[in-house]
Each structure stands twice: as C-alpha cells, then as structure tokens.
C-alpha cells in the first residue's frame, strides 16, 4: 500500500520477563558467559504465568543439616548397639565383627570430618551470595531513585530558568 512495506510486530508480545536492577546489570556486563542470568517469567504467548514459589535458603539449609545430623545420630545409635551386643557376649568378637565396627566408626568419622564441614561451607557461600544480592538490589534501587529525583529536579530548574528569561 502506498508503495511501501509496512513492518510491525504483533499486538501482543510473545514473552515478558521481569529483572531486578542487579540481574539487569549482571546480564549486560556478562553476556555470553556461563548459564546466563535467571529472570522472572511474567507472560508467555500473551498468558500470565504464576509467580514462582518463594522459599527461604536459610530454612532449606537448616532442614538439610537437621536431616544430616539425624542420619549421623541414627548411624551412631546402630553402631553403639552393635558394639554393646558384641561386648556383652561371652565369646570374643570375630574378625568380621571387628571389621564391621571399625567400618562404622570410619564412616562416622568421614561424616563429621568431611561432610559436615562441606555443608557448613556451602551454607556460608549461599549466605554470602544472598547478602551480596540484597546489597545489589538496594544499591540499584537507591541509584534509580537518585537519578530519577535528579532528573525531576533538573527539569524544575530548567522550567525556572525558562521563566526567568521570559521576564
């Protein structure tokens, strides 16, 4: 029509995402690096998407740690019962009995010396990451407010200067 090609998008976008200030900053400063930046999907093919379920990382770690401690406690109880049973018998323990007890003790030692410290270090890493994300969000929000407030003030100043020149 009118000897022109008119290009236009559909009236509804295919996808709509939401990003925080720090997600946006990370996305533009680290393009094509790693797995990308997670975003919140709001619309897909014109339909609203349910909000993601929220969960507390600290509570998640606490539950996992409690479960791990219960597992260690149960293993220790079983090992103690085995040792008490063997020691209360009149006959001496067999080589297999001794090996089973030693194996159980070594497993508990590994849990306490390796696995529990790993859980602690993972917890600390996640808490550091959470604090860093929160700081980024606050800084981004404050910067946005400073810039928007500054622009509003600048517009007011320009209007006032325009009024002064006219008089």
C-alpha atoms as a PDB file:
ATOM      1  CA  UNK A   1       0.000   0.000   0.000  1.00  0.00           C
ATOM      2  CA  UNK A   2       1.331   3.437  -0.881  1.00  0.00           C
ATOM      3  CA  UNK A   3       4.357   1.757  -2.446  1.00  0.00           C
ATOM      4  CA  UNK A   4       5.810   0.929   0.968  1.00  0.00           C
ATOM      5  CA  UNK A   5       6.414  -2.174   3.017  1.00  0.00           C
ATOM      6  CA  UNK A   6       4.996  -1.699   6.489  1.00  0.00           C
ATOM      7  CA  UNK A   7       6.622  -3.841   9.121  1.00  0.00           C
ATOM      8  CA  UNK A   8       5.082  -4.128  12.543  1.00  0.00           C
ATOM      9  CA  UNK A   9       5.025  -6.503  15.465  1.00  0.00           C
ATOM     10  CA  UNK A  10       2.007  -8.450  16.608  1.00  0.00           C
ATOM     11  CA  UNK A  11      -0.115  -6.605  19.106  1.00  0.00           C
ATOM     12  CA  UNK A  12       0.837  -8.931  21.950  1.00  0.00           C
ATOM     13  CA  UNK A  13       4.412  -9.771  22.874  1.00  0.00           C
ATOM     14  CA  UNK A  14       5.377 -13.433  22.871  1.00  0.00           C
ATOM     15  CA  UNK A  15       7.311 -13.299  26.139  1.00  0.00           C
ATOM     16  CA  UNK A  16       7.594 -10.848  29.022  1.00  0.00           C
ATOM     17  CA  UNK A  17      10.225 -11.130  31.737  1.00  0.00           C
ATOM     18  CA  UNK A  18      10.996  -9.154  34.872  1.00  0.00           C
ATOM     19  CA  UNK A  19      14.506  -8.398  36.122  1.00  0.00           C
ATOM     20  CA  UNK A  20      15.824  -6.715  39.227  1.00  0.00           C
ATOM     21  CA  UNK A  21      18.437  -3.973  38.959  1.00  0.00           C
ATOM     22  CA  UNK A  22      21.264  -6.344  39.818  1.00  0.00           C
ATOM     23  CA  UNK A  23      20.010  -9.009  37.371  1.00  0.00           C
ATOM     24  CA  UNK A  24      19.934  -6.397  34.603  1.00  0.00           C
ATOM     25  CA  UNK A  25      23.420  -5.160  35.468  1.00  0.00           C
ATOM     26  CA  UNK A  26      24.727  -8.740  35.508  1.00  0.00           C
ATOM     27  CA  UNK A  27      23.023  -9.516  32.189  1.00  0.00           C
ATOM     28  CA  UNK A  28      24.546  -6.585  30.311  1.00  0.00           C
ATOM     29  CA  UNK A  29      28.004  -6.917  31.857  1.00  0.00           C
ATOM     30  CA  UNK A  30      28.397 -10.672  31.411  1.00  0.00           C
ATOM     31  CA  UNK A  31      26.784 -11.525  28.082  1.00  0.00           C
ATOM     32  CA  UNK A  32      27.550 -14.986  26.691  1.00  0.00           C
ATOM     33  CA  UNK A  33      29.226 -16.035  29.937  1.00  0.00           C
ATOM     34  CA  UNK A  34      28.095 -19.096  31.863  1.00  0.00           C
ATOM     35  CA  UNK A  35      24.469 -20.171  32.061  1.00  0.00           C
ATOM     36  CA  UNK A  36      23.040 -16.658  31.882  1.00  0.00           C
ATOM     37  CA  UNK A  37      21.032 -14.641  34.390  1.00  0.00           C
ATOM     38  CA  UNK A  38      17.803 -16.011  35.844  1.00  0.00           C
ATOM     39  CA  UNK A  39      14.754 -13.797  35.295  1.00  0.00           C
ATOM     40  CA  UNK A  40      11.125 -13.949  36.355  1.00  0.00           C
ATOM     41  CA  UNK A  41       8.807 -15.017  33.556  1.00  0.00           C
ATOM     42  CA  UNK A  42       5.620 -12.892  33.644  1.00  0.00           C
ATOM     43  CA  UNK A  43       3.862 -13.682  30.343  1.00  0.00           C
ATOM     44  CA  UNK A  44       4.225 -16.368  27.724  1.00  0.00           C
ATOM     45  CA  UNK A  45       2.299 -16.161  24.455  1.00  0.00           C
ATOM     46  CA  UNK A  46       0.057 -13.498  25.967  1.00  0.00           C
ATOM     47  CA  UNK A  47      -0.872 -15.540  29.057  1.00  0.00           C
ATOM     48  CA  UNK A  48       0.097 -14.612  32.624  1.00  0.00           C
ATOM     49  CA  UNK A  49       2.490 -17.003  34.349  1.00  0.00           C
ATOM     50  CA  UNK A  50       2.063 -17.905  38.021  1.00  0.00           C
ATOM     51  CA  UNK A  51       4.576 -16.410  40.431  1.00  0.00           C
ATOM     52  CA  UNK A  52       7.493 -18.647  41.327  1.00  0.00           C
ATOM     53  CA  UNK A  53       7.199 -20.273  44.727  1.00  0.00           C
ATOM     54  CA  UNK A  54       9.278 -18.431  47.300  1.00  0.00           C
ATOM     55  CA  UNK A  55      11.489 -20.331  49.701  1.00  0.00           C
ATOM     56  CA  UNK A  56      13.999 -19.348  52.312  1.00  0.00           C
ATOM     57  CA  UNK A  57      17.512 -20.654  51.568  1.00  0.00           C
ATOM     58  CA  UNK A  58      18.413 -20.474  55.244  1.00  0.00           C
ATOM     59  CA  UNK A  59      15.458 -22.686  56.218  1.00  0.00           C
ATOM     60  CA  UNK A  60      16.336 -25.087  53.399  1.00  0.00           C
ATOM     61  CA  UNK A  61      19.889 -25.438  54.717  1.00  0.00           C
ATOM     62  CA  UNK A  62      18.642 -25.822  58.292  1.00  0.00           C
ATOM     63  CA  UNK A  63      16.332 -28.678  57.255  1.00  0.00           C
ATOM     64  CA  UNK A  64      19.096 -30.380  55.255  1.00  0.00           C
ATOM     65  CA  UNK A  65      21.536 -30.002  58.149  1.00  0.00           C
ATOM     66  CA  UNK A  66      18.988 -31.350  60.640  1.00  0.00           C
ATOM     67  CA  UNK A  67      18.352 -34.350  58.372  1.00  0.00           C
ATOM     68  CA  UNK A  68      22.094 -34.981  58.090  1.00  0.00           C
ATOM     69  CA  UNK A  69      22.528 -34.794  61.875  1.00  0.00           C
ATOM     70  CA  UNK A  70      19.624 -37.224  62.365  1.00  0.00           C
ATOM     71  CA  UNK A  71      21.255 -39.623  59.896  1.00  0.00           C
ATOM     72  CA  UNK A  72      24.563 -39.401  61.778  1.00  0.00           C
ATOM     73  CA  UNK A  73      22.756 -39.869  65.101  1.00  0.00           C
ATOM     74  CA  UNK A  74      20.936 -42.957  63.810  1.00  0.00           C
ATOM     75  CA  UNK A  75      24.197 -44.452  62.481  1.00  0.00           C
ATOM     76  CA  UNK A  76      25.867 -43.789  65.828  1.00  0.00           C
ATOM     77  CA  UNK A  77      22.981 -45.452  67.732  1.00  0.00           C
ATOM     78  CA  UNK A  78      23.118 -48.541  65.481  1.00  0.00           C
ATOM     79  CA  UNK A  79      26.902 -48.746  65.835  1.00  0.00           C
ATOM     80  CA  UNK A  80      26.657 -48.353  69.625  1.00  0.00           C
ATOM     81  CA  UNK A  81      24.038 -51.128  69.824  1.00  0.00           C
ATOM     82  CA  UNK A  82      26.240 -53.427  67.721  1.00  0.00           C
ATOM     83  CA  UNK A  83      29.270 -52.723  69.896  1.00  0.00           C
ATOM     84  CA  UNK A  84      27.294 -53.225  73.139  1.00  0.00           C
ATOM     85  CA  UNK A  85      25.898 -56.506  71.815  1.00  0.00           C
ATOM     86  CA  UNK A  86      29.344 -57.790  70.828  1.00  0.00           C
ATOM     87  CA  UNK A  87      30.948 -56.716  74.090  1.00  0.00           C
ATOM     88  CA  UNK A  88      28.209 -58.222  76.257  1.00  0.00           C
ATOM     89  CA  UNK A  89      28.606 -61.697  74.700  1.00  0.00           C
ATOM     90  CA  UNK A  90      30.770 -64.248  76.474  1.00  0.00           C
ATOM     91  CA  UNK A  91      32.645 -65.251  73.320  1.00  0.00           C
ATOM     92  CA  UNK A  92      35.252 -62.936  71.781  1.00  0.00           C
ATOM     93  CA  UNK A  93      34.215 -60.886  68.689  1.00  0.00           C
ATOM     94  CA  UNK A  94      35.078 -62.375  65.306  1.00  0.00           C
ATOM     95  CA  UNK A  95      37.286 -60.677  62.762  1.00  0.00           C
ATOM     96  CA  UNK A  96      34.176 -59.804  60.690  1.00  0.00           C
ATOM     97  CA  UNK A  97      32.517 -58.248  63.781  1.00  0.00           C
ATOM     98  CA  UNK A  98      35.582 -56.094  64.443  1.00  0.00           C
ATOM     99  CA  UNK A  99      35.756 -55.020  60.784  1.00  0.00           C
ATOM    100  CA  UNK A 100      32.052 -54.063  60.794  1.00  0.00           C
ATOM    101  CA  UNK A 101      32.506 -51.906  63.913  1.00  0.00           C
ATOM    102  CA  UNK A 102      35.648 -50.260  62.509  1.00  0.00           C
ATOM    103  CA  UNK A 103      33.909 -49.617  59.180  1.00  0.00           C
ATOM    104  CA  UNK A 104      31.023 -47.927  61.015  1.00  0.00           C
ATOM    105  CA  UNK A 105      33.407 -45.770  63.056  1.00  0.00           C
ATOM    106  CA  UNK A 106      35.312 -44.712  59.919  1.00  0.00           C
ATOM    107  CA  UNK A 107      32.046 -43.818  58.156  1.00  0.00           C
ATOM    108  CA  UNK A 108      31.024 -41.616  61.095  1.00  0.00           C
ATOM    109  CA  UNK A 109      34.481 -40.059  61.153  1.00  0.00           C
ATOM    110  CA  UNK A 110      34.160 -39.168  57.468  1.00  0.00           C
ATOM    111  CA  UNK A 111      30.704 -37.669  58.033  1.00  0.00           C
ATOM    112  CA  UNK A 112      31.981 -35.484  60.863  1.00  0.00           C
ATOM    113  CA  UNK A 113      35.346 -34.513  59.348  1.00  0.00           C
ATOM    114  CA  UNK A 114      34.346 -34.058  55.688  1.00  0.00           C
ATOM    115  CA  UNK A 115      30.618 -33.936  55.011  1.00  0.00           C
ATOM    116  CA  UNK A 116      29.507 -31.676  57.878  1.00  0.00           C
ATOM    117  CA  UNK A 117      32.213 -29.045  57.154  1.00  0.00           C
ATOM    118  CA  UNK A 118      31.169 -29.152  53.468  1.00  0.00           C
ATOM    119  CA  UNK A 119      27.571 -28.410  54.459  1.00  0.00           C
ATOM    120  CA  UNK A 120      28.787 -25.521  56.610  1.00  0.00           C
ATOM    121  CA  UNK A 121      30.917 -24.054  53.820  1.00  0.00           C
ATOM    122  CA  UNK A 122      28.001 -24.389  51.349  1.00  0.00           C
ATOM    123  CA  UNK A 123      25.756 -22.600  53.839  1.00  0.00           C
ATOM    124  CA  UNK A 124      28.289 -19.782  54.252  1.00  0.00           C
ATOM    125  CA  UNK A 125      28.675 -19.413  50.470  1.00  0.00           C
ATOM    126  CA  UNK A 126      24.918 -19.188  49.997  1.00  0.00           C
ATOM    127  CA  UNK A 127      24.510 -16.641  52.798  1.00  0.00           C
ATOM    128  CA  UNK A 128      27.332 -14.515  51.324  1.00  0.00           C
ATOM    129  CA  UNK A 129      25.652 -14.709  47.915  1.00  0.00           C
ATOM    130  CA  UNK A 130      22.283 -13.755  49.421  1.00  0.00           C
ATOM    131  CA  UNK A 131      23.810 -10.743  51.213  1.00  0.00           C
ATOM    132  CA  UNK A 132      25.588  -9.658  48.016  1.00  0.00           C
ATOM    133  CA  UNK A 133      22.339  -9.929  46.012  1.00  0.00           C
ATOM    134  CA  UNK A 134      20.470  -7.909  48.635  1.00  0.00           C
ATOM    135  CA  UNK A 135      23.165  -5.213  48.619  1.00  0.00           C
ATOM    136  CA  UNK A 136      22.977  -5.073  44.819  1.00  0.00           C
ATOM    137  CA  UNK A 137      19.201  -4.700  44.912  1.00  0.00           C
ATOM    138  CA  UNK A 138      19.355  -1.890  47.480  1.00  0.00           C
ATOM    139  CA  UNK A 139      22.150  -0.099  45.602  1.00  0.00           C
ATOM    140  CA  UNK A 140      20.247  -0.418  42.319  1.00  0.00           C
ATOM    141  CA  UNK A 141      17.047   0.916  43.867  1.00  0.00           C
ATOM    142  CA  UNK A 142      18.862   3.839  45.514  1.00  0.00           C
ATOM    143  CA  UNK A 143      20.701   4.720  42.285  1.00  0.00           C
ATOM    144  CA  UNK A 144      17.448   4.628  40.335  1.00  0.00           C
ATOM    145  CA  UNK A 145      15.819   6.936  42.889  1.00  0.00           C
ATOM    146  CA  UNK A 146      18.800   9.315  42.885  1.00  0.00           C
ATOM    147  CA  UNK A 147      18.800   9.513  39.094  1.00  0.00           C
ATOM    148  CA  UNK A 148      15.025   9.939  38.761  1.00  0.00           C
ATOM    149  CA  UNK A 149      14.947  12.528  41.571  1.00  0.00           C
ATOM    150  CA  UNK A 150      17.884  14.348  39.974  1.00  0.00           C
ATOM    151  CA  UNK A 151      16.164  14.413  36.589  1.00  0.00           C
ATOM    152  CA  UNK A 152      12.973  15.764  38.149  1.00  0.00           C
ATOM    153  CA  UNK A 153      14.989  18.467  39.926  1.00  0.00           C
ATOM    154  CA  UNK A 154      16.819  19.312  36.713  1.00  0.00           C
ATOM    155  CA  UNK A 155      13.515  19.663  34.856  1.00  0.00           C
ATOM    156  CA  UNK A 156      12.220  22.021  37.561  1.00  0.00           C
ATOM    157  CA  UNK A 157      15.433  24.059  37.341  1.00  0.00           C
ATOM    158  CA  UNK A 158      15.094  24.287  33.548  1.00  0.00           C
ATOM    159  CA  UNK A 159      11.484  25.476  33.876  1.00  0.00           C
ATOM    160  CA  UNK A 160      12.533  28.090  36.416  1.00  0.00           C
ATOM    161  CA  UNK A 161      15.351  29.284  34.133  1.00  0.00           C
ATOM    162  CA  UNK A 162      12.868  29.488  31.255  1.00  0.00           C
ATOM    163  CA  UNK A 163      10.527  31.641  33.384  1.00  0.00           C
ATOM    164  CA  UNK A 164      13.400  33.944  34.408  1.00  0.00           C
ATOM    165  CA  UNK A 165      14.497  34.532  30.793  1.00  0.00           C
ATOM    166  CA  UNK A 166      10.929  35.380  29.713  1.00  0.00           C
ATOM    167  CA  UNK A 167      10.583  38.117  32.380  1.00  0.00           C
END
